[in-house]
Amino acid sequence: MYTCLNSLTPISSPFLRLHPKQTTSFPPKRMENGNKFTLKSSSPQNLLSRRDLLLSATASAAISPTLSSSSSSAAAVEEFPIKLEGTVSRVVGRPRKSRSKREKEDEEEVLVIDGIEFDSRIPVKFDVYVNDDCSDGGSGPTAAEFAGSMVNVPHGRGRMRTGLRLGITDLIEDVGADDDDSLLVTLVPKSGVGLVTVGSIGIQFLS
């Protein structure tokens, strides 16, 4: 059902976990405060099913999918890298808000988590939430704020660097954040606690 983008080569891990509302077979409480591949539907008219997970991973140098260069927004440099020793949240600015239905059909709003580093020989998993501080540890995949998970199945490559792409257009609608200037992104480590670092979190648009 899915094909590779930009001639990237799919491999077996890490594996992804889909949001419960997704029907494809593979992969806001408002607050103050690379293995490299990407996936898409084979239909040109349905480039990115809502909340499909788009993963771009690499053991050395990441190759990113074609994204609108004029529509990226990185979180504050001084807040990164993050070491996932526990639940962490960052406020991430949105390049555009209050988009029309046509704009949403033309471009998917994508949460981009890059510079994820860990030892590939250990199990790693963390969940991603939008506009939920997860003070209770996170409500799990049934929560409207749940965007997806990053999962690594141990394999013998040693230290690696990867990235995660999560489509969040529908999620933003579900939690009523269409008009928000920023989103609260929360990472909840489940495996490999304290052994994973994240280099950046931002928002881009995929057409």
Protein backbone atom coordinates (compact mmCIF):
# COMPACT_ATOMS: atom_id res chain seq x y z
CA MET A 1 0.00 0.00 0.00
CA TYR A 2 2.96 2.30 0.61
CA THR A 3 5.87 3.32 -1.56
CA CYS A 4 9.16 5.00 -0.81
CA LEU A 5 9.72 8.73 -1.24
CA ASN A 6 12.91 10.16 -2.78
CA SER A 7 14.22 6.64 -3.53
CA LEU A 8 14.92 6.01 0.13
CA THR A 9 15.43 2.35 1.04
CA PRO A 10 13.05 0.87 3.62
CA ILE A 11 14.46 -1.42 6.26
CA SER A 12 13.10 -3.39 9.13
CA SER A 13 13.50 -1.05 12.08
CA PRO A 14 12.67 1.08 13.92
CA PHE A 15 8.99 0.20 13.76
CA LEU A 16 6.17 2.66 14.13
CA ARG A 17 2.93 2.68 16.00
CA LEU A 18 -0.05 4.40 14.42
CA HIS A 19 -2.57 6.65 16.03
CA PRO A 20 -5.70 4.60 16.82
CA LYS A 21 -7.85 6.65 14.42
CA GLN A 22 -5.68 5.76 11.42
CA THR A 23 -7.20 3.17 9.11
CA THR A 24 -4.07 2.36 7.08
CA SER A 25 -2.33 -0.94 7.62
CA PHE A 26 1.15 0.47 8.28
CA PRO A 27 2.50 3.37 9.51
CA PRO A 28 -5.20 21.02 23.22
CA LYS A 29 -5.22 21.52 26.68
CA ARG A 30 -3.14 24.60 25.93
CA MET A 31 0.03 25.16 27.97
CA GLU A 32 2.30 28.06 28.73
CA ASN A 33 5.06 27.08 29.39
CA GLY A 34 17.01 8.48 9.90
CA ASN A 35 17.41 2.94 8.49
CA LYS A 36 15.88 5.73 6.47
CA PHE A 37 12.57 5.76 4.77
CA THR A 38 9.40 7.71 4.51
CA LEU A 39 6.03 6.31 3.64
CA LYS A 40 3.08 7.56 1.65
CA SER A 41 -0.11 6.29 0.13
CA SER A 42 0.28 5.04 -3.44
CA SER A 43 -2.45 7.41 -4.57
CA PRO A 44 -1.12 10.83 -5.70
CA GLN A 45 -4.33 12.39 -4.52
CA ASN A 46 -3.80 11.01 -1.02
CA LEU A 47 -0.11 11.82 -0.44
CA LEU A 48 -0.39 11.62 3.29
CA SER A 49 -3.27 10.05 5.15
CA ARG A 50 -4.01 12.03 8.23
CA ARG A 51 -1.79 11.10 11.15
CA ASP A 52 0.27 8.58 9.13
CA LEU A 53 3.71 8.37 10.59
CA LEU A 54 6.50 9.45 8.28
CA LEU A 55 9.89 8.19 9.40
CA SER A 56 13.23 9.35 8.07
CA ALA A 57 16.16 7.60 9.72
CA THR A 58 19.89 7.33 9.11
CA ALA A 59 22.88 5.85 10.92
CA SER A 60 25.16 8.65 9.80
CA ALA A 61 23.67 11.34 7.57
CA ALA A 62 19.92 11.79 7.30
CA ILE A 63 18.16 12.37 4.00
CA SER A 64 15.00 14.40 4.50
CA PRO A 65 11.80 14.19 2.43
CA THR A 66 10.84 17.03 0.12
CA LEU A 67 9.38 19.68 2.40
CA SER A 68 8.47 23.28 1.94
CA SER A 69 11.71 25.04 2.84
CA SER A 70 9.86 28.28 3.44
CA SER A 71 7.51 26.69 5.96
CA SER A 72 9.68 25.20 8.69
CA SER A 73 9.83 26.22 12.29
CA ALA A 74 12.48 24.96 14.73
CA ALA A 75 12.13 25.20 18.46
CA ALA A 76 14.55 27.39 20.37
CA VAL A 77 18.14 26.25 19.90
CA GLU A 78 18.99 26.74 23.54
CA GLU A 79 16.40 24.13 24.54
CA PHE A 80 18.17 21.32 22.68
CA PRO A 81 19.43 18.66 22.67
CA ILE A 82 16.99 16.99 25.05
CA LYS A 83 17.99 13.93 27.04
CA LEU A 84 14.94 11.78 27.65
CA GLU A 85 15.45 11.05 31.30
CA GLY A 86 11.74 11.55 31.88
CA THR A 87 8.73 13.30 30.37
CA VAL A 88 9.78 16.52 28.60
CA SER A 89 7.75 19.24 26.86
CA ARG A 90 8.69 21.99 24.42
CA VAL A 91 6.61 24.80 22.93
CA VAL A 92 6.91 24.68 19.13
CA GLY A 93 5.88 27.57 16.91
CA ARG A 94 3.63 27.00 13.91
CA PRO A 95 4.70 28.63 10.61
CA ARG A 96 1.05 28.95 9.59
CA LYS A 97 -2.26 28.74 11.36
CA SER A 98 -5.98 28.99 10.57
CA ARG A 99 -5.49 27.20 7.25
CA SER A 100 -8.39 26.68 4.86
CA LYS A 101 -9.76 23.26 3.92
CA ARG A 102 -8.04 23.52 0.53
CA GLU A 103 -4.70 24.39 2.14
CA LYS A 104 -5.01 21.35 4.41
CA GLU A 105 -5.73 19.13 1.42
CA ASP A 106 -2.71 20.51 -0.44
CA GLU A 107 -0.22 20.32 2.44
CA GLU A 108 -0.07 18.16 5.55
CA GLU A 109 1.15 19.81 8.71
CA VAL A 110 3.94 17.57 9.97
CA LEU A 111 5.61 17.39 13.36
CA VAL A 112 9.33 16.85 12.76
CA ILE A 113 11.50 15.34 15.49
CA ASP A 114 15.11 15.18 14.33
CA GLY A 115 18.48 14.20 15.74
CA ILE A 116 17.15 11.24 17.72
CA GLU A 117 20.28 9.45 18.93
CA PHE A 118 20.61 6.16 20.79
CA ASP A 119 22.37 2.80 20.75
CA SER A 120 20.45 0.67 18.26
CA ARG A 121 21.31 -2.47 20.24
CA ILE A 122 18.90 -1.49 23.01
CA PRO A 123 15.08 -1.28 22.91
CA VAL A 124 13.86 2.30 22.60
CA LYS A 125 10.37 3.73 22.66
CA PHE A 126 8.84 7.09 23.36
CA ASP A 127 5.32 8.42 22.83
CA VAL A 128 4.54 11.84 21.38
CA TYR A 129 1.65 14.05 22.48
CA VAL A 130 0.45 17.45 21.26
CA ASN A 131 -1.02 19.96 23.71
CA ASP A 132 -0.85 17.58 26.64
CA ASP A 133 1.78 17.98 29.34
CA CYS A 134 1.28 14.30 30.31
CA SER A 135 1.62 15.05 33.99
CA ASP A 136 -0.15 11.72 34.50
CA GLY A 137 2.33 9.87 32.30
CA GLY A 138 0.21 10.16 29.16
CA SER A 139 -3.23 8.79 28.40
CA GLY A 140 -2.00 6.38 25.73
CA PRO A 141 -3.00 5.84 22.08
CA THR A 142 -6.69 6.43 22.79
CA ALA A 143 -6.08 10.08 23.69
CA ALA A 144 -6.94 12.73 21.09
CA GLU A 145 -3.59 14.39 21.83
CA PHE A 146 -1.58 11.22 21.05
CA ALA A 147 0.41 11.79 17.83
CA GLY A 148 2.35 8.51 17.62
CA SER A 149 5.38 6.59 18.88
CA MET A 150 9.02 6.09 18.01
CA VAL A 151 10.08 2.45 18.45
CA ASN A 152 13.45 0.79 17.93
CA VAL A 153 13.81 -2.99 17.91
CA PRO A 154 17.37 -3.90 18.99
CA HIS A 155 19.72 -4.66 16.12
CA GLY A 156 23.53 -4.71 15.87
CA ARG A 157 24.48 -1.34 14.40
CA GLY A 158 25.64 0.51 17.48
CA ARG A 159 25.15 4.23 17.82
CA MET A 160 22.63 5.67 15.35
CA ARG A 161 20.87 8.91 14.50
CA THR A 162 17.33 9.02 13.14
CA GLY A 163 14.29 11.23 12.71
CA LEU A 164 10.52 10.98 13.04
CA ARG A 165 7.72 12.58 11.00
CA LEU A 166 4.15 12.66 12.29
CA GLY A 167 1.20 14.05 10.32
CA ILE A 168 -0.86 16.18 12.72
CA THR A 169 -3.38 18.09 10.57
CA ASP A 170 -6.37 16.09 11.83
CA LEU A 171 -5.05 15.99 15.38
CA ILE A 172 -4.87 19.79 15.46
CA GLU A 173 -8.49 19.97 14.36
CA ASP A 174 -9.55 17.37 16.94
CA VAL A 175 -8.01 19.26 19.84
CA GLY A 176 -9.23 22.66 18.63
CA ALA A 177 -5.80 24.18 17.98
CA ASP A 178 -6.30 25.42 14.40
CA ASP A 179 -5.87 29.04 15.42
CA ASP A 180 -3.02 28.53 17.88
CA ASP A 181 0.36 30.18 17.24
CA SER A 182 2.23 27.29 18.87
CA LEU A 183 1.81 23.74 20.12
CA LEU A 184 3.03 22.02 23.25
CA VAL A 185 4.89 18.86 22.21
CA THR A 186 5.50 16.29 24.94
CA LEU A 187 7.77 13.24 24.72
CA VAL A 188 7.15 10.39 27.15
CA PRO A 189 9.94 7.77 27.24
CA LYS A 190 8.81 4.18 27.72
CA SER A 191 12.01 2.21 26.99
CA GLY A 192 15.64 3.30 27.02
CA VAL A 193 14.94 6.03 29.56
CA GLY A 194 17.94 8.32 29.89
CA LEU A 195 19.66 6.75 26.87
CA VAL A 196 18.02 8.79 24.10
CA THR A 197 18.66 12.38 23.03
CA VAL A 198 16.58 14.55 20.70
CA GLY A 199 18.22 17.27 18.63
CA SER A 200 15.23 19.36 17.52
CA ILE A 201 11.45 19.55 17.27
CA GLY A 202 9.70 21.65 14.65
CA ILE A 203 6.79 21.87 12.24
CA GLN A 204 6.98 21.66 8.45
CA PHE A 205 4.50 21.24 5.60
CA LEU A 206 4.49 18.28 3.18
CA SER A 207 2.81 18.64 -0.19
